[in-house]
Amino acid sequence: MAAAETEAGGLRSGMAGAAGPAVDEAAAAGPAVDEAGAAAPAVDEAEAGAGVADEAETPPPPLPGLQLVQQGAEARVYRGLFLGRATVAKLRIPKRYRHPALEERLSRRRTAQEARSLLRCRRAGISAPVVYFVDYVTNSIYLEDIVGSITVQDHINSVQQSGNDTSSLLTLAEKMGELLARMHDEDLIHGDLTTSNILLRPPTEKLDLVLIDFGLSFISGLPEDKGVDLYVLEKAFLSTHPDTETMFKALLKTYAATSKKSGPVIKRLDEVRLRGRKRSMIG
């Protein structure tokens, strides 16, 4: 893995001539990137419904030989080979209702922020895909393909449907709580925490978790942002996996025990829950 990362670093350095100005511009706009990222969840939520019209035509893959495996509101995901390595390529979908200059600026910033978040995770020892290359011309990012992995969502569903002992899911929840605590201690907000955005490397019995899909991520040390991050996961967790309240409680308990900054975050999570209930009651 270290060799792959070193070689990947060489690839990025070697190809920086073409993308250099974009990288420098994104780096110079660091605070602006974070500021845009902080507002990204609200912006992307508003854009999700309007993005359908943009997807009427499917363009060719960014590189020959890549196969389309998934298409969402924000990006198309391809799988194939990049310089001989198993790769997942993520290509952002342009929003035609935006002014072209604004679309280009936002897409470039979000692509840059996603790459930064992945690298920030890996520097902190948090398992995330290796970044092979970032193309600021097409706003695409080439990542390590975690071959043979499954999503936590699929794993939980499989265990529940099998009718076997589900006690192993509590251990999985504890692992998730530890992983998210380490991520938040790096002041990294994922922005789209769901059980489908966390992978399990094979063999699944080892519970080796990998965080993916940082397209809405941003940097923030605010307990509010971290609390909202956990609240999004809780809502996604309970709506996707019925009868898993004990799992999320185990996750939060481990999060609180692992994170050095958990006190204010858990307090904010409780406040966010109250605000959510009020909105549900008012409609």
C-alpha atoms as a PDB file:
ATOM      1  CA  MET A   1       0.000   0.000   0.000  1.00  0.00           C
ATOM      2  CA  ALA A   2       2.842   2.391   0.888  1.00  0.00           C
ATOM      3  CA  ALA A   3       4.482   1.668  -2.472  1.00  0.00           C
ATOM      4  CA  ALA A   4       1.220   2.344  -4.272  1.00  0.00           C
ATOM      5  CA  GLU A   5       0.794   5.648  -2.444  1.00  0.00           C
ATOM      6  CA  THR A   6       4.397   6.674  -3.227  1.00  0.00           C
ATOM      7  CA  GLU A   7       3.953   5.820  -6.876  1.00  0.00           C
ATOM      8  CA  ALA A   8       0.595   7.583  -6.906  1.00  0.00           C
ATOM      9  CA  GLY A   9       2.262  10.658  -5.461  1.00  0.00           C
ATOM     10  CA  GLY A  10       4.734  10.535  -8.340  1.00  0.00           C
ATOM     11  CA  LEU A  11       1.868  10.338 -10.795  1.00  0.00           C
ATOM     12  CA  ARG A  12       0.280  13.440  -9.322  1.00  0.00           C
ATOM     13  CA  SER A  13       3.582  15.303  -9.349  1.00  0.00           C
ATOM     14  CA  GLY A  14       4.362  14.247 -12.917  1.00  0.00           C
ATOM     15  CA  MET A  15       0.998  15.342 -14.228  1.00  0.00           C
ATOM     16  CA  ALA A  16       0.866  18.578 -12.237  1.00  0.00           C
ATOM     17  CA  GLY A  17       2.046  20.548 -15.263  1.00  0.00           C
ATOM     18  CA  ALA A  18      -1.354  20.247 -16.888  1.00  0.00           C
ATOM     19  CA  ALA A  19      -3.354  20.749 -13.733  1.00  0.00           C
ATOM     20  CA  GLY A  20      -0.888  22.992 -11.912  1.00  0.00           C
ATOM     21  CA  PRO A  21      -2.738  26.301 -12.193  1.00  0.00           C
ATOM     22  CA  ALA A  22      -5.932  24.667 -11.030  1.00  0.00           C
ATOM     23  CA  VAL A  23      -4.185  23.161  -8.026  1.00  0.00           C
ATOM     24  CA  ASP A  24      -2.539  26.464  -7.106  1.00  0.00           C
ATOM     25  CA  GLU A  25      -5.795  28.334  -7.500  1.00  0.00           C
ATOM     26  CA  ALA A  26      -7.631  25.829  -5.312  1.00  0.00           C
ATOM     27  CA  ALA A  27      -4.889  25.941  -2.701  1.00  0.00           C
ATOM     28  CA  ALA A  28      -4.877  29.725  -2.632  1.00  0.00           C
ATOM     29  CA  ALA A  29      -8.597  29.657  -2.092  1.00  0.00           C
ATOM     30  CA  GLY A  30      -8.288  27.322   0.876  1.00  0.00           C
ATOM     31  CA  PRO A  31     -10.591  29.212   3.268  1.00  0.00           C
ATOM     32  CA  ALA A  32     -13.040  29.832   0.452  1.00  0.00           C
ATOM     33  CA  VAL A  33     -13.066  26.134  -0.337  1.00  0.00           C
ATOM     34  CA  ASP A  34     -13.860  25.303   3.246  1.00  0.00           C
ATOM     35  CA  GLU A  35     -16.495  28.008   3.357  1.00  0.00           C
ATOM     36  CA  ALA A  36     -18.093  26.672   0.185  1.00  0.00           C
ATOM     37  CA  GLY A  37     -17.813  23.171   1.582  1.00  0.00           C
ATOM     38  CA  ALA A  38     -19.538  24.222   4.786  1.00  0.00           C
ATOM     39  CA  ALA A  39     -22.496  25.418   2.797  1.00  0.00           C
ATOM     40  CA  ALA A  40     -22.339  22.471   0.403  1.00  0.00           C
ATOM     41  CA  PRO A  41     -24.933  20.233   2.074  1.00  0.00           C
ATOM     42  CA  ALA A  42     -27.639  22.917   1.808  1.00  0.00           C
ATOM     43  CA  VAL A  43     -26.681  23.820  -1.760  1.00  0.00           C
ATOM     44  CA  ASP A  44     -26.489  20.213  -2.925  1.00  0.00           C
ATOM     45  CA  GLU A  45     -29.806  19.351  -1.296  1.00  0.00           C
ATOM     46  CA  ALA A  46     -31.483  22.148  -3.193  1.00  0.00           C
ATOM     47  CA  GLU A  47     -29.831  21.086  -6.416  1.00  0.00           C
ATOM     48  CA  ALA A  48     -30.651  17.399  -6.157  1.00  0.00           C
ATOM     49  CA  GLY A  49     -34.151  17.782  -7.563  1.00  0.00           C
ATOM     50  CA  ALA A  50     -33.054  20.035 -10.396  1.00  0.00           C
ATOM     51  CA  GLY A  51     -30.184  17.771 -11.432  1.00  0.00           C
ATOM     52  CA  VAL A  52     -32.449  15.271 -13.210  1.00  0.00           C
ATOM     53  CA  ALA A  53     -32.559  17.343 -16.379  1.00  0.00           C
ATOM     54  CA  ASP A  54     -28.751  17.320 -16.549  1.00  0.00           C
ATOM     55  CA  GLU A  55     -28.670  13.528 -16.708  1.00  0.00           C
ATOM     56  CA  ALA A  56     -30.713  13.116 -19.879  1.00  0.00           C
ATOM     57  CA  GLU A  57     -27.608  12.226 -21.883  1.00  0.00           C
ATOM     58  CA  THR A  58     -24.826  10.006 -20.566  1.00  0.00           C
ATOM     59  CA  PRO A  59     -21.433  11.213 -21.833  1.00  0.00           C
ATOM     60  CA  PRO A  60     -18.586   8.828 -22.645  1.00  0.00           C
ATOM     61  CA  PRO A  61     -16.351   7.789 -19.734  1.00  0.00           C
ATOM     62  CA  PRO A  62     -13.428  10.076 -18.851  1.00  0.00           C
ATOM     63  CA  LEU A  63     -11.008   7.336 -19.991  1.00  0.00           C
ATOM     64  CA  PRO A  64     -11.541   4.503 -22.493  1.00  0.00           C
ATOM     65  CA  GLY A  65     -12.341   1.155 -20.904  1.00  0.00           C
ATOM     66  CA  LEU A  66     -14.090   2.526 -17.819  1.00  0.00           C
ATOM     67  CA  GLN A  67     -17.558   1.131 -17.134  1.00  0.00           C
ATOM     68  CA  LEU A  68     -20.374   3.187 -15.590  1.00  0.00           C
ATOM     69  CA  VAL A  69     -21.463   1.520 -12.331  1.00  0.00           C
ATOM     70  CA  GLN A  70     -23.511   4.202 -10.610  1.00  0.00           C
ATOM     71  CA  GLN A  71     -25.076   7.569 -11.341  1.00  0.00           C
ATOM     72  CA  GLY A  72     -26.257   9.962  -8.672  1.00  0.00           C
ATOM     73  CA  ALA A  73     -27.403  13.568  -8.538  1.00  0.00           C
ATOM     74  CA  GLU A  74     -23.857  14.897  -8.138  1.00  0.00           C
ATOM     75  CA  ALA A  75     -21.565  12.489  -9.976  1.00  0.00           C
ATOM     76  CA  ARG A  76     -21.175   9.457 -12.209  1.00  0.00           C
ATOM     77  CA  VAL A  77     -19.019   6.622 -10.883  1.00  0.00           C
ATOM     78  CA  TYR A  78     -16.964   4.432 -13.223  1.00  0.00           C
ATOM     79  CA  ARG A  79     -14.865   1.340 -12.575  1.00  0.00           C
ATOM     80  CA  GLY A  80     -11.875   0.097 -14.540  1.00  0.00           C
ATOM     81  CA  LEU A  81      -8.086   0.407 -14.736  1.00  0.00           C
ATOM     82  CA  PHE A  82      -5.905   3.490 -14.398  1.00  0.00           C
ATOM     83  CA  LEU A  83      -2.238   2.848 -15.264  1.00  0.00           C
ATOM     84  CA  GLY A  84      -2.745  -0.817 -14.466  1.00  0.00           C
ATOM     85  CA  ARG A  85      -4.452  -0.300 -11.108  1.00  0.00           C
ATOM     86  CA  ALA A  86      -8.032  -1.195 -10.186  1.00  0.00           C
ATOM     87  CA  THR A  87      -9.682   2.220 -10.084  1.00  0.00           C
ATOM     88  CA  VAL A  88     -12.940   3.988  -9.320  1.00  0.00           C
ATOM     89  CA  ALA A  89     -13.343   7.218 -11.291  1.00  0.00           C
ATOM     90  CA  LYS A  90     -15.795   9.841 -10.064  1.00  0.00           C
ATOM     91  CA  LEU A  91     -16.912  12.433 -12.622  1.00  0.00           C
ATOM     92  CA  ARG A  92     -18.947  15.405 -11.412  1.00  0.00           C
ATOM     93  CA  ILE A  93     -22.146  16.120 -13.347  1.00  0.00           C
ATOM     94  CA  PRO A  94     -22.269  19.734 -14.605  1.00  0.00           C
ATOM     95  CA  LYS A  95     -25.389  21.677 -13.623  1.00  0.00           C
ATOM     96  CA  ARG A  96     -26.657  23.389 -16.760  1.00  0.00           C
ATOM     97  CA  TYR A  97     -28.973  25.743 -14.884  1.00  0.00           C
ATOM     98  CA  ARG A  98     -25.923  27.468 -13.344  1.00  0.00           C
ATOM     99  CA  HIS A  99     -23.890  30.144 -15.046  1.00  0.00           C
ATOM    100  CA  PRO A 100     -20.950  28.296 -16.693  1.00  0.00           C
ATOM    101  CA  ALA A 101     -18.320  30.319 -14.822  1.00  0.00           C
ATOM    102  CA  LEU A 102     -20.000  29.650 -11.456  1.00  0.00           C
ATOM    103  CA  GLU A 103     -20.426  25.961 -12.292  1.00  0.00           C
ATOM    104  CA  GLU A 104     -16.760  25.616 -13.194  1.00  0.00           C
ATOM    105  CA  ARG A 105     -15.615  27.370 -10.013  1.00  0.00           C
ATOM    106  CA  LEU A 106     -17.863  25.327  -7.693  1.00  0.00           C
ATOM    107  CA  SER A 107     -17.067  22.000  -9.355  1.00  0.00           C
ATOM    108  CA  ARG A 108     -13.335  22.663  -9.174  1.00  0.00           C
ATOM    109  CA  ARG A 109     -13.502  23.663  -5.517  1.00  0.00           C
ATOM    110  CA  ARG A 110     -15.539  20.632  -4.526  1.00  0.00           C
ATOM    111  CA  THR A 111     -13.296  18.274  -6.460  1.00  0.00           C
ATOM    112  CA  ALA A 112     -10.269  19.798  -4.757  1.00  0.00           C
ATOM    113  CA  GLN A 113     -11.918  19.548  -1.337  1.00  0.00           C
ATOM    114  CA  GLU A 114     -12.795  15.886  -1.841  1.00  0.00           C
ATOM    115  CA  ALA A 115      -9.185  15.070  -2.713  1.00  0.00           C
ATOM    116  CA  ARG A 116      -7.935  17.058   0.294  1.00  0.00           C
ATOM    117  CA  SER A 117     -10.328  15.282   2.644  1.00  0.00           C
ATOM    118  CA  LEU A 118      -9.191  11.853   1.456  1.00  0.00           C
ATOM    119  CA  LEU A 119      -5.532  12.806   1.864  1.00  0.00           C
ATOM    120  CA  ARG A 120      -6.255  14.291   5.295  1.00  0.00           C
ATOM    121  CA  CYS A 121      -7.816  10.983   6.357  1.00  0.00           C
ATOM    122  CA  ARG A 122      -4.871   8.933   5.158  1.00  0.00           C
ATOM    123  CA  ARG A 123      -2.333  11.212   6.844  1.00  0.00           C
ATOM    124  CA  ALA A 124      -4.243  10.728  10.109  1.00  0.00           C
ATOM    125  CA  GLY A 125      -4.248   6.942   9.703  1.00  0.00           C
ATOM    126  CA  ILE A 126      -7.962   6.802   8.870  1.00  0.00           C
ATOM    127  CA  SER A 127      -8.734   4.203   6.212  1.00  0.00           C
ATOM    128  CA  ALA A 128      -9.839   5.815   2.938  1.00  0.00           C
ATOM    129  CA  PRO A 129      -9.149   5.128  -0.755  1.00  0.00           C
ATOM    130  CA  VAL A 130      -5.809   6.201  -2.233  1.00  0.00           C
ATOM    131  CA  VAL A 131      -6.061   9.218  -4.535  1.00  0.00           C
ATOM    132  CA  TYR A 132      -4.368   8.325  -7.831  1.00  0.00           C
ATOM    133  CA  PHE A 133      -5.054  11.451  -9.867  1.00  0.00           C
ATOM    134  CA  VAL A 134      -7.263  14.551  -9.918  1.00  0.00           C
ATOM    135  CA  ASP A 135      -8.273  16.028 -13.288  1.00  0.00           C
ATOM    136  CA  TYR A 136      -9.450  19.629 -12.910  1.00  0.00           C
ATOM    137  CA  VAL A 137     -10.311  19.907 -16.608  1.00  0.00           C
ATOM    138  CA  THR A 138     -13.114  17.327 -16.403  1.00  0.00           C
ATOM    139  CA  ASN A 139     -13.531  17.653 -12.599  1.00  0.00           C
ATOM    140  CA  SER A 140     -12.946  13.951 -12.125  1.00  0.00           C
ATOM    141  CA  ILE A 141     -11.021  12.089  -9.463  1.00  0.00           C
ATOM    142  CA  TYR A 142      -9.388   8.661  -9.771  1.00  0.00           C
ATOM    143  CA  LEU A 143      -9.359   6.569  -6.607  1.00  0.00           C
ATOM    144  CA  GLU A 144      -8.274   3.168  -5.388  1.00  0.00           C
ATOM    145  CA  ASP A 145     -10.939   0.513  -5.964  1.00  0.00           C
ATOM    146  CA  ILE A 146     -11.461  -1.427  -2.719  1.00  0.00           C
ATOM    147  CA  VAL A 147     -11.815  -4.752  -4.530  1.00  0.00           C
ATOM    148  CA  GLY A 148     -14.165  -7.287  -2.954  1.00  0.00           C
ATOM    149  CA  SER A 149     -15.570  -4.823  -0.427  1.00  0.00           C
ATOM    150  CA  ILE A 150     -19.237  -4.425   0.485  1.00  0.00           C
ATOM    151  CA  THR A 151     -21.067  -1.518   2.042  1.00  0.00           C
ATOM    152  CA  VAL A 152     -21.936  -1.539   5.730  1.00  0.00           C
ATOM    153  CA  GLN A 153     -25.544  -1.149   4.609  1.00  0.00           C
ATOM    154  CA  ASP A 154     -25.450  -4.430   2.667  1.00  0.00           C
ATOM    155  CA  HIS A 155     -23.639  -6.194   5.510  1.00  0.00           C
ATOM    156  CA  ILE A 156     -26.202  -5.150   8.123  1.00  0.00           C
ATOM    157  CA  ASN A 157     -29.082  -6.155   5.852  1.00  0.00           C
ATOM    158  CA  SER A 158     -27.449  -9.528   5.188  1.00  0.00           C
ATOM    159  CA  VAL A 159     -26.953 -10.278   8.884  1.00  0.00           C
ATOM    160  CA  GLN A 160     -30.499  -9.222   9.761  1.00  0.00           C
ATOM    161  CA  GLN A 161     -32.052 -11.270   6.967  1.00  0.00           C
ATOM    162  CA  SER A 162     -30.001 -14.364   7.771  1.00  0.00           C
ATOM    163  CA  GLY A 163     -31.716 -14.747  11.148  1.00  0.00           C
ATOM    164  CA  ASN A 164     -28.359 -15.476  12.814  1.00  0.00           C
ATOM    165  CA  ASP A 165     -26.988 -13.901  15.971  1.00  0.00           C
ATOM    166  CA  THR A 166     -26.799 -10.124  15.458  1.00  0.00           C
ATOM    167  CA  SER A 167     -24.416  -9.439  18.357  1.00  0.00           C
ATOM    168  CA  SER A 168     -21.595  -8.946  15.844  1.00  0.00           C
ATOM    169  CA  LEU A 169     -23.422  -5.806  14.660  1.00  0.00           C
ATOM    170  CA  LEU A 170     -22.795  -4.162  18.037  1.00  0.00           C
ATOM    171  CA  THR A 171     -19.065  -4.700  17.541  1.00  0.00           C
ATOM    172  CA  LEU A 172     -19.399  -3.206  14.063  1.00  0.00           C
ATOM    173  CA  ALA A 173     -21.185  -0.165  15.530  1.00  0.00           C
ATOM    174  CA  GLU A 174     -18.364   0.317  18.029  1.00  0.00           C
ATOM    175  CA  LYS A 175     -15.822   0.218  15.199  1.00  0.00           C
ATOM    176  CA  MET A 176     -17.840   2.823  13.319  1.00  0.00           C
ATOM    177  CA  GLY A 177     -17.985   5.074  16.396  1.00  0.00           C
ATOM    178  CA  GLU A 178     -14.216   4.855  16.802  1.00  0.00           C
ATOM    179  CA  LEU A 179     -13.632   5.646  13.119  1.00  0.00           C
ATOM    180  CA  LEU A 180     -15.930   8.690  13.131  1.00  0.00           C
ATOM    181  CA  ALA A 181     -14.412   9.983  16.375  1.00  0.00           C
ATOM    182  CA  ARG A 182     -10.961   9.944  14.794  1.00  0.00           C
ATOM    183  CA  MET A 183     -12.295  11.698  11.693  1.00  0.00           C
ATOM    184  CA  HIS A 184     -13.995  14.448  13.713  1.00  0.00           C
ATOM    185  CA  ASP A 185     -10.904  14.920  15.876  1.00  0.00           C
ATOM    186  CA  GLU A 186      -9.173  15.911  12.620  1.00  0.00           C
ATOM    187  CA  ASP A 187     -11.928  18.570  12.204  1.00  0.00           C
ATOM    188  CA  LEU A 188     -13.110  16.799   9.050  1.00  0.00           C
ATOM    189  CA  ILE A 189     -16.870  16.812   8.403  1.00  0.00           C
ATOM    190  CA  HIS A 190     -18.020  14.126   5.981  1.00  0.00           C
ATOM    191  CA  GLY A 191     -21.296  15.814   5.037  1.00  0.00           C
ATOM    192  CA  ASP A 192     -23.056  12.665   3.815  1.00  0.00           C
ATOM    193  CA  LEU A 193     -22.627   9.974   6.456  1.00  0.00           C
ATOM    194  CA  THR A 194     -24.701   6.891   5.648  1.00  0.00           C
ATOM    195  CA  THR A 195     -24.084   3.167   5.968  1.00  0.00           C
ATOM    196  CA  SER A 196     -23.674   3.045   2.174  1.00  0.00           C
ATOM    197  CA  ASN A 197     -20.690   5.416   2.386  1.00  0.00           C
ATOM    198  CA  ILE A 198     -18.693   3.108   4.643  1.00  0.00           C
ATOM    199  CA  LEU A 199     -17.142  -0.043   3.179  1.00  0.00           C
ATOM    200  CA  LEU A 200     -16.000  -3.304   4.732  1.00  0.00           C
ATOM    201  CA  ARG A 201     -12.804  -4.763   3.305  1.00  0.00           C
ATOM    202  CA  PRO A 202     -12.740  -8.535   2.820  1.00  0.00           C
ATOM    203  CA  PRO A 203     -12.852 -10.649   4.874  1.00  0.00           C
ATOM    204  CA  THR A 204     -15.777  -8.916   6.559  1.00  0.00           C
ATOM    205  CA  GLU A 205     -15.116 -10.742   9.848  1.00  0.00           C
ATOM    206  CA  LYS A 206     -12.167  -8.404  10.463  1.00  0.00           C
ATOM    207  CA  LEU A 207     -14.491  -5.361  10.409  1.00  0.00           C
ATOM    208  CA  ASP A 208     -11.906  -3.291   8.532  1.00  0.00           C
ATOM    209  CA  LEU A 209     -13.843  -0.106   7.685  1.00  0.00           C
ATOM    210  CA  VAL A 210     -13.134   2.323   4.838  1.00  0.00           C
ATOM    211  CA  LEU A 211     -14.733   5.776   4.524  1.00  0.00           C
ATOM    212  CA  ILE A 212     -15.737   6.825   0.999  1.00  0.00           C
ATOM    213  CA  ASP A 213     -17.603   9.564  -0.904  1.00  0.00           C
ATOM    214  CA  PHE A 214     -16.271  12.835   0.510  1.00  0.00           C
ATOM    215  CA  GLY A 215     -17.965  14.909  -2.189  1.00  0.00           C
ATOM    216  CA  LEU A 216     -19.776  17.073   0.392  1.00  0.00           C
ATOM    217  CA  SER A 217     -16.984  17.172   2.967  1.00  0.00           C
ATOM    218  CA  PHE A 218     -15.486  20.289   4.536  1.00  0.00           C
ATOM    219  CA  ILE A 219     -13.186  21.320   7.357  1.00  0.00           C
ATOM    220  CA  SER A 220     -14.719  22.629  10.587  1.00  0.00           C
ATOM    221  CA  GLY A 221     -13.925  22.484  14.275  1.00  0.00           C
ATOM    222  CA  LEU A 222     -17.444  23.541  15.310  1.00  0.00           C
ATOM    223  CA  PRO A 223     -19.359  21.086  17.531  1.00  0.00           C
ATOM    224  CA  GLU A 224     -22.500  22.107  15.623  1.00  0.00           C
ATOM    225  CA  ASP A 225     -21.147  20.759  12.321  1.00  0.00           C
ATOM    226  CA  LYS A 226     -19.972  17.543  13.923  1.00  0.00           C
ATOM    227  CA  GLY A 227     -23.305  17.107  15.689  1.00  0.00           C
ATOM    228  CA  VAL A 228     -25.168  17.566  12.401  1.00  0.00           C
ATOM    229  CA  ASP A 229     -22.837  15.014  10.797  1.00  0.00           C
ATOM    230  CA  LEU A 230     -23.829  12.454  13.445  1.00  0.00           C
ATOM    231  CA  TYR A 231     -27.501  13.410  13.175  1.00  0.00           C
ATOM    232  CA  VAL A 232     -27.466  12.776   9.418  1.00  0.00           C
ATOM    233  CA  LEU A 233     -25.997   9.335  10.099  1.00  0.00           C
ATOM    234  CA  GLU A 234     -28.576   8.623  12.792  1.00  0.00           C
ATOM    235  CA  LYS A 235     -31.491   9.514  10.509  1.00  0.00           C
ATOM    236  CA  ALA A 236     -30.051   7.478   7.638  1.00  0.00           C
ATOM    237  CA  PHE A 237     -29.237   4.616  10.007  1.00  0.00           C
ATOM    238  CA  LEU A 238     -32.690   4.269  11.547  1.00  0.00           C
ATOM    239  CA  SER A 239     -34.582   4.807   8.284  1.00  0.00           C
ATOM    240  CA  THR A 240     -32.503   2.227   6.406  1.00  0.00           C
ATOM    241  CA  HIS A 241     -32.104  -0.362   9.152  1.00  0.00           C
ATOM    242  CA  PRO A 242     -35.177  -0.960  11.354  1.00  0.00           C
ATOM    243  CA  ASP A 243     -34.670  -2.141  14.941  1.00  0.00           C
ATOM    244  CA  THR A 244     -31.060  -0.951  15.127  1.00  0.00           C
ATOM    245  CA  GLU A 245     -31.467   1.639  17.895  1.00  0.00           C
ATOM    246  CA  THR A 246     -29.094  -0.336  20.136  1.00  0.00           C
ATOM    247  CA  MET A 247     -26.487  -0.281  17.374  1.00  0.00           C
ATOM    248  CA  PHE A 248     -26.518   3.496  17.127  1.00  0.00           C
ATOM    249  CA  LYS A 249     -26.384   3.822  20.909  1.00  0.00           C
ATOM    250  CA  ALA A 250     -23.281   1.607  20.928  1.00  0.00           C
ATOM    251  CA  LEU A 251     -21.803   3.753  18.144  1.00  0.00           C
ATOM    252  CA  LEU A 252     -22.357   6.973  20.096  1.00  0.00           C
ATOM    253  CA  LYS A 253     -21.012   5.471  23.315  1.00  0.00           C
ATOM    254  CA  THR A 254     -17.756   4.473  21.594  1.00  0.00           C
ATOM    255  CA  TYR A 255     -17.591   7.832  19.807  1.00  0.00           C
ATOM    256  CA  ALA A 256     -17.864   9.668  23.129  1.00  0.00           C
ATOM    257  CA  ALA A 257     -15.199   7.469  24.727  1.00  0.00           C
ATOM    258  CA  THR A 258     -12.776   7.794  21.798  1.00  0.00           C
ATOM    259  CA  SER A 259     -13.043  11.429  20.720  1.00  0.00           C
ATOM    260  CA  LYS A 260     -11.107  14.051  22.650  1.00  0.00           C
ATOM    261  CA  LYS A 261     -13.747  16.646  21.737  1.00  0.00           C
ATOM    262  CA  SER A 262     -16.904  14.584  22.166  1.00  0.00           C
ATOM    263  CA  GLY A 263     -18.539  16.491  25.064  1.00  0.00           C
ATOM    264  CA  PRO A 264     -19.703  19.581  23.139  1.00  0.00           C
ATOM    265  CA  VAL A 265     -20.469  17.447  20.068  1.00  0.00           C
ATOM    266  CA  ILE A 266     -22.872  15.114  21.889  1.00  0.00           C
ATOM    267  CA  LYS A 267     -24.525  18.132  23.510  1.00  0.00           C
ATOM    268  CA  ARG A 268     -25.004  19.723  20.075  1.00  0.00           C
ATOM    269  CA  LEU A 269     -26.354  16.431  18.716  1.00  0.00           C
ATOM    270  CA  ASP A 270     -29.091  16.506  21.364  1.00  0.00           C
ATOM    271  CA  GLU A 271     -29.963  20.093  20.384  1.00  0.00           C
ATOM    272  CA  VAL A 272     -30.060  19.179  16.692  1.00  0.00           C
ATOM    273  CA  ARG A 273     -32.398  16.286  17.501  1.00  0.00           C
ATOM    274  CA  LEU A 274     -34.765  18.685  19.272  1.00  0.00           C
ATOM    275  CA  ARG A 275     -34.746  21.051  16.301  1.00  0.00           C
ATOM    276  CA  GLY A 276     -35.479  18.119  14.006  1.00  0.00           C
ATOM    277  CA  ARG A 277     -38.447  17.019  16.104  1.00  0.00           C
ATOM    278  CA  LYS A 278     -39.854  20.566  16.135  1.00  0.00           C
ATOM    279  CA  ARG A 279     -39.642  20.765  12.347  1.00  0.00           C
ATOM    280  CA  SER A 280     -41.404  17.395  12.083  1.00  0.00           C
ATOM    281  CA  MET A 281     -44.221  18.545  14.375  1.00  0.00           C
ATOM    282  CA  ILE A 282     -44.698  21.869  12.580  1.00  0.00           C
ATOM    283  CA  GLY A 283     -44.380  20.295   9.138  1.00  0.00           C
END
